[in-house]
Amino acid sequence: MRLFCLCQADPPWFYNQTMRSVLFLGLYLSAASLGWAQSPAPAAKASAPPMASGASVTAAVEKRAERIQVEDSAARIDELRVGGETQSISVQPKGGLPAYQIAPDSGQRSWKILSF
């Protein structure tokens, strides 16, 4: 029977069979994770199959439009939202002052001077 000795003439490659299998499993999993981390290529747009009834299908989904009115003792504010995004804001102050619009993206006010 041979005792464990560090001074063997021909040491096994990476100590023993269990160590080799753990090493190869680790290398395999790291290589597989690189493949899983890659993003897929963008899919080509497929044409929609024709409907049996022959009705046309609209590609765009209609967005919901909301008109919101807020009124207090100083002004009336009308807001138009399409699909949750504010499209226009108009303010009508009370007391004879002219109405104005507010740009939703910049917040700048604009007055209509000559309206017909």
N, C-alpha and C. Protein backbone atom coordinates (compact mmCIF):
# COMPACT_ATOMS: atom_id res chain seq x y z
N MET A 1 0.83 -1.18 0.00
CA MET A 1 0.00 0.00 0.00
C MET A 1 0.88 1.24 0.00
N ARG A 2 0.51 2.18 -0.85
CA ARG A 2 1.30 3.38 -1.01
C ARG A 2 0.73 4.50 -0.16
N LEU A 3 1.52 5.17 0.58
CA LEU A 3 1.09 6.29 1.41
C LEU A 3 1.15 7.58 0.61
N PHE A 4 0.39 8.56 1.08
CA PHE A 4 0.36 9.85 0.42
C PHE A 4 1.71 10.52 0.57
N CYS A 5 2.28 10.95 -0.53
CA CYS A 5 3.60 11.57 -0.51
C CYS A 5 3.61 12.71 -1.52
N LEU A 6 4.16 13.86 -1.11
CA LEU A 6 4.25 15.01 -2.00
C LEU A 6 5.39 14.90 -2.99
N CYS A 7 6.24 13.95 -2.79
CA CYS A 7 7.42 13.84 -3.65
C CYS A 7 7.27 12.70 -4.65
N GLN A 8 6.12 12.55 -5.23
CA GLN A 8 5.92 11.50 -6.23
C GLN A 8 6.66 11.86 -7.50
N ALA A 9 7.02 10.88 -8.23
CA ALA A 9 7.78 11.10 -9.46
C ALA A 9 6.90 11.68 -10.56
N ASP A 10 5.70 11.20 -10.69
CA ASP A 10 4.79 11.71 -11.71
C ASP A 10 3.46 12.13 -11.05
N PRO A 11 3.34 13.41 -10.64
CA PRO A 11 2.11 13.85 -9.98
C PRO A 11 0.96 13.87 -10.98
N PRO A 12 -0.24 13.52 -10.54
CA PRO A 12 -1.39 13.53 -11.45
C PRO A 12 -1.72 14.96 -11.88
N TRP A 13 -2.32 15.06 -13.06
CA TRP A 13 -2.67 16.37 -13.61
C TRP A 13 -3.82 16.97 -12.78
N PHE A 14 -3.60 18.15 -12.24
CA PHE A 14 -4.55 18.84 -11.38
C PHE A 14 -5.06 17.96 -10.24
N TYR A 15 -4.18 17.31 -9.61
CA TYR A 15 -4.33 16.56 -8.36
C TYR A 15 -5.12 15.27 -8.49
N ASN A 16 -6.41 15.31 -8.82
CA ASN A 16 -7.16 14.06 -8.92
C ASN A 16 -8.35 14.21 -9.87
N GLN A 17 -9.08 13.15 -10.06
CA GLN A 17 -10.21 13.12 -11.00
C GLN A 17 -11.31 14.10 -10.60
N THR A 18 -11.62 14.23 -9.31
CA THR A 18 -12.68 15.13 -8.86
C THR A 18 -12.31 16.57 -9.17
N MET A 19 -11.06 16.91 -8.93
CA MET A 19 -10.61 18.27 -9.21
C MET A 19 -10.71 18.59 -10.70
N ARG A 20 -10.36 17.63 -11.56
CA ARG A 20 -10.47 17.84 -13.00
C ARG A 20 -11.91 18.03 -13.44
N SER A 21 -12.82 17.23 -12.91
CA SER A 21 -14.22 17.36 -13.31
C SER A 21 -14.81 18.69 -12.84
N VAL A 22 -14.43 19.17 -11.66
CA VAL A 22 -14.91 20.47 -11.19
C VAL A 22 -14.33 21.59 -12.06
N LEU A 23 -13.07 21.46 -12.45
CA LEU A 23 -12.45 22.46 -13.30
C LEU A 23 -13.14 22.52 -14.67
N PHE A 24 -13.37 21.38 -15.29
CA PHE A 24 -14.03 21.36 -16.60
C PHE A 24 -15.48 21.83 -16.51
N LEU A 25 -16.16 21.51 -15.43
CA LEU A 25 -17.54 21.99 -15.26
C LEU A 25 -17.56 23.51 -15.13
N GLY A 26 -16.63 24.06 -14.39
CA GLY A 26 -16.54 25.52 -14.24
C GLY A 26 -16.24 26.21 -15.56
N LEU A 27 -15.31 25.65 -16.33
CA LEU A 27 -14.99 26.22 -17.64
C LEU A 27 -16.17 26.13 -18.60
N TYR A 28 -16.87 25.01 -18.56
CA TYR A 28 -18.03 24.83 -19.44
C TYR A 28 -19.13 25.84 -19.09
N LEU A 29 -19.41 26.01 -17.80
CA LEU A 29 -20.46 26.94 -17.40
C LEU A 29 -20.09 28.38 -17.71
N SER A 30 -18.82 28.75 -17.57
CA SER A 30 -18.43 30.12 -17.90
C SER A 30 -18.54 30.37 -19.40
N ALA A 31 -18.19 29.38 -20.22
CA ALA A 31 -18.33 29.53 -21.67
C ALA A 31 -19.81 29.59 -22.06
N ALA A 32 -20.64 28.80 -21.40
CA ALA A 32 -22.07 28.81 -21.72
C ALA A 32 -22.71 30.13 -21.30
N SER A 33 -22.25 30.71 -20.19
CA SER A 33 -22.83 31.97 -19.75
C SER A 33 -22.49 33.10 -20.72
N LEU A 34 -21.34 33.04 -21.37
CA LEU A 34 -21.02 34.03 -22.39
C LEU A 34 -21.99 33.95 -23.56
N GLY A 35 -22.37 32.75 -23.92
CA GLY A 35 -23.34 32.58 -25.00
C GLY A 35 -24.73 33.05 -24.60
N TRP A 36 -25.11 32.85 -23.35
CA TRP A 36 -26.43 33.29 -22.89
C TRP A 36 -26.50 34.79 -22.74
N ALA A 37 -25.37 35.45 -22.50
CA ALA A 37 -25.35 36.89 -22.27
C ALA A 37 -25.48 37.68 -23.56
N GLN A 38 -25.29 37.06 -24.70
CA GLN A 38 -25.36 37.78 -25.96
C GLN A 38 -26.81 38.14 -26.26
N SER A 39 -27.02 39.36 -26.76
CA SER A 39 -28.37 39.77 -27.12
C SER A 39 -28.73 39.17 -28.48
N PRO A 40 -30.00 38.79 -28.65
CA PRO A 40 -30.39 38.20 -29.93
C PRO A 40 -30.44 39.26 -31.02
N ALA A 41 -30.28 38.83 -32.24
CA ALA A 41 -30.36 39.73 -33.38
C ALA A 41 -31.79 40.21 -33.53
N PRO A 42 -31.98 41.46 -33.96
CA PRO A 42 -33.35 41.95 -34.14
C PRO A 42 -34.08 41.14 -35.21
N ALA A 43 -35.29 40.79 -34.88
CA ALA A 43 -36.08 39.96 -35.79
C ALA A 43 -36.60 40.81 -36.95
N ALA A 44 -36.65 40.23 -38.09
CA ALA A 44 -37.19 40.91 -39.26
C ALA A 44 -38.69 41.04 -39.11
N LYS A 45 -39.20 42.17 -39.56
CA LYS A 45 -40.64 42.38 -39.45
C LYS A 45 -41.37 41.46 -40.43
N ALA A 46 -42.24 40.67 -39.87
CA ALA A 46 -43.01 39.75 -40.71
C ALA A 46 -44.30 40.44 -41.14
N SER A 47 -44.69 40.18 -42.35
CA SER A 47 -45.94 40.77 -42.82
C SER A 47 -47.11 40.03 -42.18
N ALA A 48 -48.15 40.77 -41.88
CA ALA A 48 -49.32 40.18 -41.25
C ALA A 48 -50.06 39.32 -42.27
N PRO A 49 -50.54 38.16 -41.83
CA PRO A 49 -51.29 37.32 -42.76
C PRO A 49 -52.62 37.97 -43.11
N PRO A 50 -53.07 37.80 -44.35
CA PRO A 50 -54.35 38.41 -44.74
C PRO A 50 -55.50 37.77 -43.98
N MET A 51 -56.48 38.62 -43.64
CA MET A 51 -57.64 38.13 -42.90
C MET A 51 -58.61 37.45 -43.88
N ALA A 52 -59.34 36.49 -43.37
CA ALA A 52 -60.26 35.73 -44.21
C ALA A 52 -61.43 36.59 -44.67
N SER A 53 -61.87 37.55 -43.85
CA SER A 53 -63.03 38.36 -44.22
C SER A 53 -62.66 39.49 -45.17
N GLY A 54 -61.37 39.79 -45.33
CA GLY A 54 -60.96 40.83 -46.25
C GLY A 54 -60.98 42.21 -45.63
N ALA A 55 -61.24 42.32 -44.33
CA ALA A 55 -61.27 43.62 -43.67
C ALA A 55 -59.84 44.12 -43.49
N SER A 56 -59.68 45.43 -43.63
CA SER A 56 -58.33 45.99 -43.47
C SER A 56 -58.00 46.12 -41.98
N VAL A 57 -56.75 45.87 -41.68
CA VAL A 57 -56.29 45.94 -40.30
C VAL A 57 -55.40 47.16 -40.16
N THR A 58 -55.70 48.02 -39.21
CA THR A 58 -54.86 49.18 -39.00
C THR A 58 -53.67 48.79 -38.15
N ALA A 59 -52.49 49.27 -38.52
CA ALA A 59 -51.27 48.92 -37.80
C ALA A 59 -51.14 49.72 -36.52
N ALA A 60 -51.60 50.95 -36.55
CA ALA A 60 -51.47 51.81 -35.38
C ALA A 60 -52.66 51.60 -34.46
N VAL A 61 -52.37 51.56 -33.19
CA VAL A 61 -53.41 51.44 -32.18
C VAL A 61 -53.86 52.84 -31.82
N GLU A 62 -55.16 53.04 -31.77
CA GLU A 62 -55.68 54.37 -31.45
C GLU A 62 -55.37 54.69 -30.00
N LYS A 63 -54.90 55.92 -29.79
CA LYS A 63 -54.58 56.37 -28.44
C LYS A 63 -55.78 57.12 -27.88
N ARG A 64 -55.96 57.00 -26.58
CA ARG A 64 -57.09 57.64 -25.92
C ARG A 64 -56.82 59.13 -25.74
N ALA A 65 -57.78 59.95 -26.10
CA ALA A 65 -57.67 61.41 -25.96
C ALA A 65 -58.51 61.85 -24.77
N GLU A 66 -57.91 62.71 -23.92
CA GLU A 66 -58.62 63.23 -22.75
C GLU A 66 -58.61 64.75 -22.80
N ARG A 67 -59.73 65.33 -22.48
CA ARG A 67 -59.82 66.78 -22.31
C ARG A 67 -60.10 67.03 -20.83
N ILE A 68 -59.18 67.74 -20.19
CA ILE A 68 -59.28 68.01 -18.76
C ILE A 68 -59.52 69.50 -18.58
N GLN A 69 -60.57 69.85 -17.81
CA GLN A 69 -60.88 71.24 -17.51
C GLN A 69 -60.80 71.45 -16.00
N VAL A 70 -60.02 72.47 -15.62
CA VAL A 70 -59.91 72.85 -14.22
C VAL A 70 -60.26 74.32 -14.14
N GLU A 71 -61.18 74.66 -13.24
CA GLU A 71 -61.60 76.05 -13.11
C GLU A 71 -61.60 76.44 -11.65
N ASP A 72 -61.04 77.64 -11.38
CA ASP A 72 -61.09 78.19 -10.04
C ASP A 72 -61.53 79.65 -10.15
N SER A 73 -61.35 80.41 -9.10
CA SER A 73 -61.84 81.79 -9.10
C SER A 73 -61.01 82.71 -9.99
N ALA A 74 -59.79 82.31 -10.38
CA ALA A 74 -58.91 83.17 -11.15
C ALA A 74 -58.84 82.81 -12.63
N ALA A 75 -58.99 81.53 -12.99
CA ALA A 75 -58.80 81.13 -14.39
C ALA A 75 -59.45 79.79 -14.68
N ARG A 76 -59.61 79.51 -15.99
CA ARG A 76 -60.05 78.19 -16.45
C ARG A 76 -58.93 77.61 -17.31
N ILE A 77 -58.52 76.37 -17.00
CA ILE A 77 -57.42 75.73 -17.71
C ILE A 77 -57.97 74.53 -18.45
N ASP A 78 -57.72 74.48 -19.77
CA ASP A 78 -58.12 73.35 -20.61
C ASP A 78 -56.85 72.64 -21.07
N GLU A 79 -56.83 71.32 -20.86
CA GLU A 79 -55.65 70.53 -21.23
C GLU A 79 -56.10 69.38 -22.13
N LEU A 80 -55.32 69.11 -23.17
CA LEU A 80 -55.59 68.00 -24.08
C LEU A 80 -54.45 67.00 -23.94
N ARG A 81 -54.79 65.75 -23.58
CA ARG A 81 -53.80 64.68 -23.48
C ARG A 81 -54.17 63.58 -24.48
N VAL A 82 -53.19 63.12 -25.23
CA VAL A 82 -53.38 62.01 -26.16
C VAL A 82 -52.39 60.92 -25.77
N GLY A 83 -52.91 59.77 -25.39
CA GLY A 83 -52.06 58.66 -24.98
C GLY A 83 -51.26 58.97 -23.73
N GLY A 84 -51.76 59.82 -22.85
CA GLY A 84 -51.07 60.16 -21.61
C GLY A 84 -50.08 61.31 -21.75
N GLU A 85 -49.83 61.79 -22.97
CA GLU A 85 -48.91 62.91 -23.18
C GLU A 85 -49.71 64.18 -23.41
N THR A 86 -49.30 65.25 -22.74
CA THR A 86 -49.97 66.54 -22.89
C THR A 86 -49.64 67.12 -24.26
N GLN A 87 -50.69 67.44 -25.03
CA GLN A 87 -50.52 68.02 -26.36
C GLN A 87 -50.68 69.53 -26.34
N SER A 88 -51.66 70.04 -25.59
CA SER A 88 -51.87 71.49 -25.54
C SER A 88 -52.49 71.88 -24.20
N ILE A 89 -52.13 73.10 -23.77
CA ILE A 89 -52.69 73.68 -22.54
C ILE A 89 -53.12 75.09 -22.89
N SER A 90 -54.36 75.41 -22.62
CA SER A 90 -54.84 76.77 -22.85
C SER A 90 -55.43 77.30 -21.55
N VAL A 91 -55.12 78.57 -21.27
CA VAL A 91 -55.54 79.21 -20.03
C VAL A 91 -56.39 80.42 -20.38
N GLN A 92 -57.59 80.52 -19.76
CA GLN A 92 -58.48 81.67 -19.93
C GLN A 92 -58.62 82.35 -18.57
N PRO A 93 -57.84 83.43 -18.35
CA PRO A 93 -57.96 84.12 -17.06
C PRO A 93 -59.29 84.87 -16.97
N LYS A 94 -59.78 84.99 -15.76
CA LYS A 94 -61.02 85.74 -15.55
C LYS A 94 -60.68 87.20 -15.30
N GLY A 95 -61.62 88.07 -15.55
CA GLY A 95 -61.39 89.50 -15.33
C GLY A 95 -61.04 90.24 -16.60
N GLY A 96 -61.37 89.70 -17.77
CA GLY A 96 -61.17 90.41 -19.02
C GLY A 96 -59.77 90.32 -19.60
N LEU A 97 -58.88 89.51 -19.05
CA LEU A 97 -57.54 89.35 -19.61
C LEU A 97 -57.58 88.38 -20.79
N PRO A 98 -56.64 88.53 -21.75
CA PRO A 98 -56.67 87.65 -22.92
C PRO A 98 -56.23 86.21 -22.58
N ALA A 99 -56.76 85.26 -23.33
CA ALA A 99 -56.39 83.84 -23.16
C ALA A 99 -55.00 83.61 -23.75
N TYR A 100 -54.32 82.60 -23.26
CA TYR A 100 -53.00 82.25 -23.77
C TYR A 100 -52.82 80.73 -23.73
N GLN A 101 -51.84 80.27 -24.52
CA GLN A 101 -51.50 78.86 -24.59
C GLN A 101 -50.12 78.65 -23.96
N ILE A 102 -49.93 77.46 -23.39
CA ILE A 102 -48.64 77.10 -22.80
C ILE A 102 -48.11 75.90 -23.58
N ALA A 103 -46.86 76.00 -24.03
CA ALA A 103 -46.21 74.90 -24.74
C ALA A 103 -45.87 73.80 -23.73
N PRO A 104 -46.36 72.56 -23.92
CA PRO A 104 -46.13 71.50 -22.94
C PRO A 104 -44.67 71.11 -22.76
N ASP A 105 -43.87 71.20 -23.83
CA ASP A 105 -42.48 70.77 -23.72
C ASP A 105 -41.57 71.81 -23.09
N SER A 106 -41.81 73.11 -23.36
CA SER A 106 -40.91 74.14 -22.84
C SER A 106 -41.53 74.97 -21.72
N GLY A 107 -42.86 75.02 -21.65
CA GLY A 107 -43.52 75.82 -20.63
C GLY A 107 -43.65 77.29 -20.99
N GLN A 108 -43.35 77.67 -22.24
CA GLN A 108 -43.46 79.06 -22.67
C GLN A 108 -44.90 79.41 -22.98
N ARG A 109 -45.25 80.63 -22.66
CA ARG A 109 -46.60 81.14 -22.94
C ARG A 109 -46.63 81.82 -24.29
N SER A 110 -47.78 81.74 -24.95
CA SER A 110 -47.96 82.44 -26.22
C SER A 110 -49.40 82.97 -26.29
N TRP A 111 -49.54 84.20 -26.78
CA TRP A 111 -50.85 84.82 -26.91
C TRP A 111 -51.21 84.95 -28.37
N LYS A 112 -52.46 84.79 -28.68
CA LYS A 112 -52.94 85.03 -30.05
C LYS A 112 -53.38 86.49 -30.09
N ILE A 113 -52.69 87.28 -30.89
CA ILE A 113 -52.98 88.70 -30.96
C ILE A 113 -54.18 88.96 -31.85
N LEU A 114 -54.13 88.50 -33.08
CA LEU A 114 -55.21 88.72 -34.03
C LEU A 114 -55.86 87.38 -34.34
N SER A 115 -56.97 87.11 -33.73
CA SER A 115 -57.66 85.85 -34.04
C SER A 115 -58.94 86.17 -34.79
N PHE A 116 -59.17 85.40 -35.82
CA PHE A 116 -60.35 85.64 -36.66
C PHE A 116 -61.36 84.56 -36.44
